[in-house]
Amino acid sequence: MAIVNVTDQSFQNEVEGSGTVLVDFWAPWCGPCKMIAPVLEELDKELGNLKIAKVNVDDNPEAASRFGVMSIPTLIVFKDGQPVDKVVGFQSKEALKNVVTKHQ
């Protein structure tokens, strides 16, 4: 599955459906956000049944404020449309994998 870029407008369609979705709230100027991007790409390859969505908080403030994103990167796991887990800051691939797989 490819990583999708999501906007305030497309958030509901892309994220709030069925299945497990990992949403990365990020910004282009954020150093740790750049560091986590390759980790997400590896996870995308390894976990075929996981959808990964990225939300640029500068361009899409509505989704970020709706889910209480105060610092970035914030990664929220959605299960069947509901937020079920949240991690803030850079995470290793193993740490992220553990967070996601317990909700699959």
N, C-alpha and C. Protein backbone atom coordinates (compact mmCIF):
# COMPACT_ATOMS: atom_id res chain seq x y z
N MET A 1 0.85 -1.19 0.00
CA MET A 1 0.00 0.00 0.00
C MET A 1 0.89 1.24 0.00
N ALA A 2 0.53 2.22 -0.75
CA ALA A 2 1.33 3.45 -0.78
C ALA A 2 0.90 4.38 0.36
N ILE A 3 1.84 5.20 0.80
CA ILE A 3 1.53 6.20 1.82
C ILE A 3 0.75 7.32 1.14
N VAL A 4 -0.37 7.74 1.74
CA VAL A 4 -1.20 8.77 1.12
C VAL A 4 -1.09 10.08 1.88
N ASN A 5 -1.11 11.17 1.13
CA ASN A 5 -1.17 12.49 1.74
C ASN A 5 -2.63 12.87 1.90
N VAL A 6 -2.99 13.28 3.10
CA VAL A 6 -4.38 13.55 3.42
C VAL A 6 -4.55 15.02 3.79
N THR A 7 -5.67 15.60 3.36
CA THR A 7 -5.98 16.99 3.68
C THR A 7 -7.16 17.03 4.65
N ASP A 8 -7.46 18.21 5.16
CA ASP A 8 -8.65 18.36 6.01
C ASP A 8 -9.89 17.84 5.28
N GLN A 9 -9.94 18.09 3.96
CA GLN A 9 -11.10 17.71 3.17
C GLN A 9 -11.19 16.19 2.95
N SER A 10 -10.05 15.54 2.77
CA SER A 10 -10.07 14.11 2.46
C SER A 10 -9.91 13.21 3.69
N PHE A 11 -9.69 13.82 4.85
CA PHE A 11 -9.40 13.06 6.06
C PHE A 11 -10.47 12.01 6.35
N GLN A 12 -11.70 12.42 6.32
CA GLN A 12 -12.78 11.50 6.67
C GLN A 12 -12.81 10.29 5.74
N ASN A 13 -12.71 10.54 4.42
CA ASN A 13 -12.73 9.45 3.44
C ASN A 13 -11.54 8.52 3.59
N GLU A 14 -10.35 9.10 3.80
CA GLU A 14 -9.12 8.30 3.81
C GLU A 14 -8.88 7.58 5.13
N VAL A 15 -9.28 8.19 6.25
CA VAL A 15 -8.89 7.68 7.56
C VAL A 15 -10.04 7.04 8.33
N GLU A 16 -11.22 7.64 8.24
CA GLU A 16 -12.29 7.23 9.13
C GLU A 16 -13.19 6.15 8.53
N GLY A 17 -12.54 5.19 7.86
CA GLY A 17 -13.28 4.05 7.32
C GLY A 17 -13.01 2.83 8.17
N SER A 18 -12.96 1.67 7.54
CA SER A 18 -12.68 0.46 8.30
C SER A 18 -11.20 0.11 8.19
N GLY A 19 -10.75 -0.71 9.11
CA GLY A 19 -9.36 -1.14 9.10
C GLY A 19 -8.50 -0.25 9.99
N THR A 20 -7.19 -0.51 9.93
CA THR A 20 -6.23 0.20 10.76
C THR A 20 -5.47 1.21 9.90
N VAL A 21 -5.43 2.45 10.37
CA VAL A 21 -4.72 3.52 9.65
C VAL A 21 -3.79 4.22 10.62
N LEU A 22 -2.53 4.38 10.23
CA LEU A 22 -1.57 5.14 11.01
C LEU A 22 -1.46 6.52 10.38
N VAL A 23 -1.79 7.55 11.14
CA VAL A 23 -1.76 8.91 10.61
C VAL A 23 -0.57 9.65 11.21
N ASP A 24 0.27 10.20 10.33
CA ASP A 24 1.45 10.96 10.71
C ASP A 24 1.13 12.45 10.54
N PHE A 25 1.03 13.17 11.66
CA PHE A 25 0.85 14.63 11.61
C PHE A 25 2.25 15.23 11.62
N TRP A 26 2.59 15.98 10.55
CA TRP A 26 3.96 16.44 10.34
C TRP A 26 3.97 17.83 9.71
N ALA A 27 5.17 18.40 9.56
CA ALA A 27 5.37 19.66 8.82
C ALA A 27 6.74 19.61 8.15
N PRO A 28 6.87 20.30 7.01
CA PRO A 28 8.13 20.24 6.25
C PRO A 28 9.34 20.80 7.01
N TRP A 29 9.13 21.70 7.97
CA TRP A 29 10.23 22.33 8.70
C TRP A 29 10.65 21.54 9.93
N CYS A 30 9.99 20.43 10.20
CA CYS A 30 10.20 19.66 11.44
C CYS A 30 11.27 18.59 11.24
N GLY A 31 12.39 18.71 11.95
CA GLY A 31 13.49 17.76 11.83
C GLY A 31 13.11 16.32 12.14
N PRO A 32 12.51 16.07 13.33
CA PRO A 32 12.12 14.68 13.65
C PRO A 32 11.10 14.11 12.66
N CYS A 33 10.29 14.98 12.03
CA CYS A 33 9.32 14.51 11.03
C CYS A 33 10.07 13.96 9.82
N LYS A 34 11.15 14.63 9.43
CA LYS A 34 11.95 14.16 8.30
C LYS A 34 12.63 12.84 8.64
N MET A 35 13.04 12.70 9.91
CA MET A 35 13.72 11.47 10.34
C MET A 35 12.76 10.27 10.35
N ILE A 36 11.51 10.52 10.63
CA ILE A 36 10.56 9.41 10.75
C ILE A 36 10.01 8.96 9.38
N ALA A 37 10.14 9.81 8.36
CA ALA A 37 9.60 9.48 7.04
C ALA A 37 10.12 8.14 6.50
N PRO A 38 11.46 7.89 6.51
CA PRO A 38 11.92 6.59 6.01
C PRO A 38 11.46 5.41 6.87
N VAL A 39 11.27 5.64 8.17
CA VAL A 39 10.75 4.60 9.06
C VAL A 39 9.34 4.20 8.62
N LEU A 40 8.53 5.22 8.29
CA LEU A 40 7.16 4.95 7.83
C LEU A 40 7.16 4.20 6.51
N GLU A 41 8.10 4.53 5.63
CA GLU A 41 8.19 3.84 4.35
C GLU A 41 8.54 2.36 4.55
N GLU A 42 9.44 2.08 5.50
CA GLU A 42 9.78 0.69 5.79
C GLU A 42 8.58 -0.05 6.37
N LEU A 43 7.88 0.60 7.29
CA LEU A 43 6.68 -0.02 7.88
C LEU A 43 5.64 -0.30 6.81
N ASP A 44 5.51 0.61 5.87
CA ASP A 44 4.54 0.45 4.78
C ASP A 44 4.85 -0.81 3.98
N LYS A 45 6.14 -1.07 3.75
CA LYS A 45 6.54 -2.27 3.00
C LYS A 45 6.32 -3.54 3.83
N GLU A 46 6.60 -3.45 5.13
CA GLU A 46 6.53 -4.65 5.98
C GLU A 46 5.10 -5.03 6.38
N LEU A 47 4.28 -4.03 6.65
CA LEU A 47 2.91 -4.30 7.11
C LEU A 47 1.93 -4.01 5.98
N GLY A 48 1.73 -4.98 5.14
CA GLY A 48 0.91 -4.79 3.94
C GLY A 48 -0.53 -4.41 4.21
N ASN A 49 -1.05 -4.79 5.38
CA ASN A 49 -2.46 -4.52 5.67
C ASN A 49 -2.65 -3.22 6.44
N LEU A 50 -1.60 -2.42 6.55
CA LEU A 50 -1.68 -1.14 7.26
C LEU A 50 -1.71 0.01 6.26
N LYS A 51 -2.64 0.92 6.44
CA LYS A 51 -2.66 2.13 5.62
C LYS A 51 -1.95 3.22 6.40
N ILE A 52 -1.07 3.95 5.73
CA ILE A 52 -0.37 5.07 6.37
C ILE A 52 -0.77 6.36 5.66
N ALA A 53 -1.19 7.34 6.45
CA ALA A 53 -1.60 8.63 5.91
C ALA A 53 -0.77 9.73 6.55
N LYS A 54 -0.42 10.73 5.76
CA LYS A 54 0.36 11.86 6.28
C LYS A 54 -0.48 13.14 6.18
N VAL A 55 -0.49 13.91 7.27
CA VAL A 55 -1.23 15.18 7.30
C VAL A 55 -0.24 16.30 7.58
N ASN A 56 -0.07 17.21 6.61
CA ASN A 56 0.78 18.38 6.81
C ASN A 56 -0.01 19.38 7.67
N VAL A 57 0.46 19.59 8.92
CA VAL A 57 -0.32 20.40 9.86
C VAL A 57 -0.34 21.89 9.48
N ASP A 58 0.65 22.33 8.71
CA ASP A 58 0.65 23.73 8.26
C ASP A 58 -0.49 23.98 7.28
N ASP A 59 -0.72 23.02 6.39
CA ASP A 59 -1.75 23.16 5.36
C ASP A 59 -3.13 22.68 5.82
N ASN A 60 -3.16 21.86 6.87
CA ASN A 60 -4.41 21.23 7.31
C ASN A 60 -4.58 21.33 8.83
N PRO A 61 -4.78 22.55 9.32
CA PRO A 61 -4.86 22.75 10.78
C PRO A 61 -6.10 22.13 11.42
N GLU A 62 -7.15 21.95 10.63
CA GLU A 62 -8.41 21.46 11.18
C GLU A 62 -8.27 20.04 11.74
N ALA A 63 -7.70 19.14 10.96
CA ALA A 63 -7.52 17.75 11.41
C ALA A 63 -6.60 17.71 12.63
N ALA A 64 -5.54 18.50 12.60
CA ALA A 64 -4.60 18.51 13.72
C ALA A 64 -5.27 18.99 15.01
N SER A 65 -6.05 20.05 14.94
CA SER A 65 -6.68 20.55 16.16
C SER A 65 -7.79 19.62 16.63
N ARG A 66 -8.47 18.98 15.70
CA ARG A 66 -9.54 18.05 16.05
C ARG A 66 -9.05 16.90 16.92
N PHE A 67 -7.80 16.48 16.68
CA PHE A 67 -7.25 15.35 17.44
C PHE A 67 -6.20 15.79 18.45
N GLY A 68 -6.20 17.07 18.79
CA GLY A 68 -5.36 17.57 19.86
C GLY A 68 -3.87 17.46 19.61
N VAL A 69 -3.46 17.63 18.35
CA VAL A 69 -2.04 17.54 18.03
C VAL A 69 -1.37 18.86 18.43
N MET A 70 -0.50 18.78 19.44
CA MET A 70 0.19 19.96 19.96
C MET A 70 1.64 20.04 19.50
N SER A 71 2.28 18.88 19.36
CA SER A 71 3.65 18.86 18.87
C SER A 71 3.77 17.79 17.81
N ILE A 72 4.76 17.95 16.95
CA ILE A 72 4.90 17.02 15.84
C ILE A 72 6.31 16.44 15.85
N PRO A 73 6.52 15.26 15.31
CA PRO A 73 5.48 14.42 14.74
C PRO A 73 4.59 13.78 15.82
N THR A 74 3.30 13.76 15.53
CA THR A 74 2.36 12.99 16.33
C THR A 74 1.80 11.91 15.41
N LEU A 75 1.82 10.68 15.87
CA LEU A 75 1.28 9.58 15.09
C LEU A 75 0.10 8.99 15.84
N ILE A 76 -1.04 8.94 15.17
CA ILE A 76 -2.25 8.42 15.78
C ILE A 76 -2.70 7.19 15.00
N VAL A 77 -3.00 6.13 15.74
CA VAL A 77 -3.51 4.91 15.13
C VAL A 77 -5.04 4.97 15.18
N PHE A 78 -5.67 4.81 14.02
CA PHE A 78 -7.13 4.76 13.93
C PHE A 78 -7.55 3.33 13.64
N LYS A 79 -8.53 2.84 14.36
CA LYS A 79 -9.08 1.50 14.12
C LYS A 79 -10.55 1.69 13.81
N ASP A 80 -10.96 1.31 12.60
CA ASP A 80 -12.35 1.47 12.17
C ASP A 80 -12.87 2.88 12.42
N GLY A 81 -12.03 3.86 12.12
CA GLY A 81 -12.45 5.26 12.20
C GLY A 81 -12.25 5.94 13.53
N GLN A 82 -11.87 5.19 14.58
CA GLN A 82 -11.70 5.78 15.90
C GLN A 82 -10.23 5.82 16.30
N PRO A 83 -9.77 6.95 16.89
CA PRO A 83 -8.39 6.98 17.37
C PRO A 83 -8.23 6.04 18.57
N VAL A 84 -7.26 5.12 18.49
CA VAL A 84 -7.08 4.14 19.56
C VAL A 84 -5.71 4.22 20.22
N ASP A 85 -4.77 4.92 19.61
CA ASP A 85 -3.44 5.04 20.20
C ASP A 85 -2.75 6.27 19.63
N LYS A 86 -1.79 6.80 20.39
CA LYS A 86 -1.12 8.03 19.97
C LYS A 86 0.30 8.04 20.52
N VAL A 87 1.27 8.36 19.67
CA VAL A 87 2.65 8.54 20.11
C VAL A 87 3.15 9.88 19.57
N VAL A 88 3.97 10.53 20.38
CA VAL A 88 4.48 11.85 20.01
C VAL A 88 6.00 11.80 19.94
N GLY A 89 6.55 12.42 18.90
CA GLY A 89 8.00 12.47 18.74
C GLY A 89 8.51 11.32 17.89
N PHE A 90 9.80 11.36 17.60
CA PHE A 90 10.42 10.33 16.77
C PHE A 90 10.30 8.98 17.45
N GLN A 91 9.96 7.95 16.69
CA GLN A 91 9.86 6.58 17.19
C GLN A 91 10.70 5.67 16.30
N SER A 92 11.30 4.68 16.90
CA SER A 92 12.01 3.68 16.10
C SER A 92 10.98 2.82 15.36
N LYS A 93 11.45 2.11 14.34
CA LYS A 93 10.54 1.26 13.58
C LYS A 93 9.92 0.20 14.48
N GLU A 94 10.71 -0.40 15.36
CA GLU A 94 10.19 -1.44 16.26
C GLU A 94 9.12 -0.88 17.19
N ALA A 95 9.37 0.30 17.74
CA ALA A 95 8.40 0.92 18.66
C ALA A 95 7.08 1.18 17.94
N LEU A 96 7.17 1.75 16.73
CA LEU A 96 5.95 2.04 15.95
C LEU A 96 5.23 0.75 15.57
N LYS A 97 6.00 -0.24 15.19
CA LYS A 97 5.42 -1.52 14.79
C LYS A 97 4.63 -2.12 15.96
N ASN A 98 5.20 -2.03 17.17
CA ASN A 98 4.51 -2.55 18.36
C ASN A 98 3.21 -1.82 18.62
N VAL A 99 3.21 -0.50 18.45
CA VAL A 99 2.01 0.29 18.67
C VAL A 99 0.92 -0.10 17.68
N VAL A 100 1.32 -0.24 16.42
CA VAL A 100 0.34 -0.53 15.36
C VAL A 100 -0.19 -1.96 15.44
N THR A 101 0.71 -2.93 15.62
CA THR A 101 0.26 -4.32 15.52
C THR A 101 -0.69 -4.73 16.64
N LYS A 102 -0.63 -4.06 17.78
CA LYS A 102 -1.57 -4.44 18.84
C LYS A 102 -3.00 -4.01 18.51
N HIS A 103 -3.19 -3.22 17.45
CA HIS A 103 -4.54 -2.78 17.07
C HIS A 103 -5.02 -3.42 15.78
N GLN A 104 -4.21 -4.31 15.21
CA GLN A 104 -4.61 -4.91 13.93
C GLN A 104 -5.45 -6.15 14.11
